[in-house]
């Protein structure tokens, strides 16, 4: 797929998915889009199933919904609230530490600049870009395993890491696509364009896909 073919593929893909969103987007709709809660939700979601993340967020935010409230919680209380998310002990420490830094350096507010977000404990590029796009409506590309795999499979980019994919996509895609790319490709990756044996026969854009690296499909 070349960059000039992408708009046609995007229209077909969005029509096929009919506005279906991944669970984390639906959860944001039901909850506040408060930047701090979005940030904490993203930190908790790393290497964790959506159902576990949503339960952990519900329990934790019942105890603390701001940096001021979070720093007053004992570490063990945070750990207990977020269990069984992956690496819950490390995440609890990061949540407490980043809450302190927000209070110390940002007046308790989540910064709107990527570099400042990346300076917070436990915050990587995926989390930073998701906060920027979901909370602040800024043009940002959140590259997770689905976005990295699928855009390389299409042949739209040829990269080795999610960071390289993010930089390459920013060069070939107009900004109007950036924010919607992640939620769209997460659903697409879960339903059809799976890591192993994707459902190419049912794919609405199979004629535009380069099928790079696809050895077996259905």
Protein backbone atom coordinates (compact mmCIF):
# COMPACT_ATOMS: atom_id res chain seq x y z
CA UNK A 1 0.00 0.00 0.00
CA UNK A 2 1.39 3.35 -0.99
CA UNK A 3 0.60 6.60 0.85
CA UNK A 4 -1.63 7.76 -2.00
CA UNK A 5 -3.70 4.55 -1.70
CA UNK A 6 -4.17 4.99 2.05
CA UNK A 7 -7.21 7.34 1.89
CA UNK A 8 -9.17 4.78 -0.16
CA UNK A 9 -8.18 1.97 2.19
CA UNK A 10 -9.08 4.10 5.20
CA UNK A 11 -12.59 4.81 3.91
CA UNK A 12 -13.20 1.10 3.25
CA UNK A 13 -11.84 0.14 6.65
CA UNK A 14 -13.90 2.69 8.58
CA UNK A 15 -17.04 1.68 6.69
CA UNK A 16 -16.42 -1.98 7.50
CA UNK A 17 -15.84 -1.34 11.21
CA UNK A 18 -18.85 1.00 11.38
CA UNK A 19 -17.55 3.09 14.24
CA UNK A 20 -16.74 0.16 16.55
CA UNK A 21 -14.15 1.23 19.12
CA UNK A 22 -11.78 -0.81 21.30
CA UNK A 23 -12.75 -1.30 24.96
CA UNK A 24 -10.41 1.39 26.28
CA UNK A 25 -12.12 4.03 24.09
CA UNK A 26 -15.54 2.92 25.29
CA UNK A 27 -14.26 3.08 28.88
CA UNK A 28 -13.10 6.67 28.34
CA UNK A 29 -16.56 7.56 27.09
CA UNK A 30 -18.11 6.21 30.28
CA UNK A 31 -15.56 7.89 32.52
CA UNK A 32 -14.11 11.37 32.78
CA UNK A 33 -11.60 12.42 30.14
CA UNK A 34 -9.65 14.11 32.92
CA UNK A 35 -6.00 14.04 31.77
CA UNK A 36 -4.76 12.64 35.08
CA UNK A 37 -7.21 9.74 35.02
CA UNK A 38 -6.42 9.04 31.37
CA UNK A 39 -2.71 9.05 32.20
CA UNK A 40 -3.12 6.62 35.10
CA UNK A 41 -5.41 4.40 33.01
CA UNK A 42 -2.77 4.21 30.27
CA UNK A 43 -0.03 3.34 32.75
CA UNK A 44 -2.18 0.55 34.14
CA UNK A 45 -3.10 -0.80 30.70
CA UNK A 46 0.43 -1.69 29.61
CA UNK A 47 0.77 -5.48 29.18
CA UNK A 48 -2.66 -5.96 30.73
CA UNK A 49 -5.98 -7.13 29.33
CA UNK A 50 -8.68 -4.49 28.92
CA UNK A 51 -11.02 -6.12 31.44
CA UNK A 52 -8.34 -6.13 34.16
CA UNK A 53 -7.40 -2.54 33.40
CA UNK A 54 -10.97 -1.30 33.62
CA UNK A 55 -11.52 -3.03 36.97
CA UNK A 56 -8.27 -1.64 38.37
CA UNK A 57 -9.16 1.88 37.26
CA UNK A 58 -12.59 1.65 38.84
CA UNK A 59 -11.17 0.49 42.18
CA UNK A 60 -8.28 2.97 42.22
CA UNK A 61 -10.32 6.02 41.20
CA UNK A 62 -12.83 5.22 43.91
CA UNK A 63 -9.96 5.94 46.32
CA UNK A 64 -8.13 8.76 44.53
CA UNK A 65 -8.93 10.80 41.42
CA UNK A 66 -6.18 13.43 41.57
CA UNK A 67 -2.43 13.63 42.29
CA UNK A 68 -3.18 15.26 45.63
CA UNK A 69 -5.34 12.32 46.70
CA UNK A 70 -3.04 9.70 45.19
CA UNK A 71 0.10 10.74 47.09
CA UNK A 72 -1.79 10.36 50.37
CA UNK A 73 -2.56 6.69 49.69
CA UNK A 74 -0.18 4.09 51.15
CA UNK A 75 1.71 2.18 48.46
CA UNK A 76 0.18 -1.12 49.57
CA UNK A 77 -3.31 0.34 49.16
CA UNK A 78 -2.53 1.28 45.56
CA UNK A 79 -1.07 -2.17 44.92
CA UNK A 80 -4.15 -3.86 46.32
CA UNK A 81 -6.50 -1.65 44.27
CA UNK A 82 -4.81 -2.29 40.92
CA UNK A 83 -4.08 -6.00 41.33
CA UNK A 84 -4.05 -8.15 39.10
CA UNK A 85 -2.75 -5.80 36.37
CA UNK A 86 0.63 -6.81 35.01
CA UNK A 87 3.64 -5.61 37.03
CA UNK A 88 1.26 -4.10 39.58
CA UNK A 89 3.97 -3.43 42.17
CA UNK A 90 6.10 -1.46 39.71
CA UNK A 91 3.06 0.39 38.38
CA UNK A 92 1.96 1.31 41.91
CA UNK A 93 5.38 2.84 42.60
CA UNK A 94 5.31 4.70 39.27
CA UNK A 95 1.81 6.05 39.90
CA UNK A 96 2.85 7.38 43.29
CA UNK A 97 6.10 8.83 41.94
CA UNK A 98 4.56 10.53 38.90
CA UNK A 99 1.82 12.00 41.10
CA UNK A 100 4.50 13.57 43.31
CA UNK A 101 6.29 14.97 40.25
CA UNK A 102 3.08 16.46 38.88
CA UNK A 103 2.57 18.26 42.17
CA UNK A 104 6.20 19.36 42.41
CA UNK A 105 6.82 20.53 38.85
CA UNK A 106 3.44 21.01 37.15
CA UNK A 107 1.08 22.38 39.83
CA UNK A 108 -0.70 19.02 39.89
CA UNK A 109 -1.61 19.22 36.20
CA UNK A 110 -0.73 16.74 33.46
CA UNK A 111 1.62 18.49 31.00
CA UNK A 112 0.57 18.88 27.40
CA UNK A 113 4.07 18.50 25.94
CA UNK A 114 5.43 15.13 24.87
CA UNK A 115 8.88 15.63 26.41
CA UNK A 116 7.41 16.50 29.80
CA UNK A 117 5.13 13.47 29.71
CA UNK A 118 8.01 11.17 28.81
CA UNK A 119 9.94 12.44 31.83
CA UNK A 120 7.32 10.93 34.16
CA UNK A 121 7.99 7.45 35.66
CA UNK A 122 6.35 4.62 33.74
CA UNK A 123 5.36 6.82 30.78
CA UNK A 124 6.58 5.76 27.33
CA UNK A 125 5.77 7.05 23.88
CA UNK A 126 2.59 5.00 23.56
CA UNK A 127 1.18 6.38 26.82
CA UNK A 128 2.30 9.94 26.10
CA UNK A 129 0.72 9.98 22.65
CA UNK A 130 -2.50 8.43 23.91
CA UNK A 131 -2.81 11.11 26.60
CA UNK A 132 -2.10 13.86 24.08
CA UNK A 133 -4.70 12.57 21.63
CA UNK A 134 -7.42 11.37 24.02
CA UNK A 135 -7.29 14.14 26.63
CA UNK A 136 -5.92 17.15 24.80
CA UNK A 137 -7.16 16.37 21.27
CA UNK A 138 -3.68 16.92 19.90
CA UNK A 139 -2.47 15.32 16.69
CA UNK A 140 -0.48 12.32 17.92
CA UNK A 141 0.01 8.77 16.69
CA UNK A 142 -0.21 6.13 19.40
CA UNK A 143 1.74 3.14 18.06
CA UNK A 144 1.06 -0.15 19.82
CA UNK A 145 1.67 -3.69 18.55
CA UNK A 146 -1.39 -3.53 16.28
CA UNK A 147 -0.43 -0.27 14.58
CA UNK A 148 3.18 -1.39 14.20
CA UNK A 149 2.27 -4.81 12.77
CA UNK A 150 -0.52 -3.74 10.45
CA UNK A 151 1.08 -0.69 8.85
CA UNK A 152 4.19 -2.77 8.14
CA UNK A 153 2.04 -5.61 6.81
CA UNK A 154 0.30 -3.18 4.48
CA UNK A 155 3.66 -1.99 3.20
CA UNK A 156 2.81 1.56 4.20
CA UNK A 157 6.01 1.67 6.26
CA UNK A 158 9.01 -0.61 6.65
CA UNK A 159 10.26 -0.34 10.21
CA UNK A 160 11.64 -2.48 13.02
CA UNK A 161 10.32 -0.80 16.18
CA UNK A 162 7.17 1.05 17.24
CA UNK A 163 9.17 4.27 17.61
CA UNK A 164 10.44 3.97 14.05
CA UNK A 165 6.87 3.27 12.93
CA UNK A 166 5.60 6.41 14.64
CA UNK A 167 8.23 8.58 12.96
CA UNK A 168 7.64 6.96 9.55
CA UNK A 169 3.85 7.32 9.76
CA UNK A 170 4.16 10.99 10.62
CA UNK A 171 6.03 11.46 7.35
CA UNK A 172 3.50 9.70 5.11
CA UNK A 173 0.10 10.36 6.75
CA UNK A 174 -1.70 13.71 6.96
CA UNK A 175 -2.41 14.82 10.52
CA UNK A 176 -6.16 14.33 10.10
CA UNK A 177 -5.61 10.55 10.36
CA UNK A 178 -3.27 10.49 13.35
CA UNK A 179 -5.67 10.43 16.31
CA UNK A 180 -8.04 7.82 14.86
CA UNK A 181 -5.34 5.46 13.63
CA UNK A 182 -4.80 3.59 16.90
CA UNK A 183 -8.44 2.90 17.92
CA UNK A 184 -9.26 1.87 14.35
CA UNK A 185 -6.32 -0.50 13.91
CA UNK A 186 -6.73 -2.02 17.38
CA UNK A 187 -10.22 -3.23 16.43
CA UNK A 188 -9.06 -4.23 12.95
CA UNK A 189 -6.14 -6.16 14.44
CA UNK A 190 -8.35 -7.96 16.95
CA UNK A 191 -11.04 -8.89 14.43
CA UNK A 192 -9.26 -9.57 11.15
CA UNK A 193 -5.59 -8.59 10.83
CA UNK A 194 -4.33 -10.87 13.57
CA UNK A 195 -0.64 -11.60 14.18
CA UNK A 196 -0.90 -15.19 12.91
CA UNK A 197 -3.12 -16.37 10.06
CA UNK A 198 -5.08 -13.14 9.51
CA UNK A 199 -8.52 -13.33 7.89
CA UNK A 200 -7.41 -11.96 4.52
CA UNK A 201 -10.39 -13.49 2.69
CA UNK A 202 -12.77 -11.30 4.71
CA UNK A 203 -10.64 -8.16 4.69
CA UNK A 204 -12.24 -5.14 2.98
CA UNK A 205 -8.86 -3.82 1.83
CA UNK A 206 -7.21 -7.09 0.79
CA UNK A 207 -6.64 -5.70 -2.72
CA UNK A 208 -4.57 -2.83 -1.34
CA UNK A 209 -2.61 -4.74 1.31
CA UNK A 210 0.98 -5.75 0.56
CA UNK A 211 0.70 -8.77 2.91
CA UNK A 212 4.32 -8.18 3.92
CA UNK A 213 5.50 -11.03 6.13
CA UNK A 214 2.21 -12.96 5.89
CA UNK A 215 3.09 -16.62 5.48
CA UNK A 216 -0.34 -18.13 6.12
CA UNK A 217 -3.79 -16.60 6.09
CA UNK A 218 -7.45 -17.52 6.08
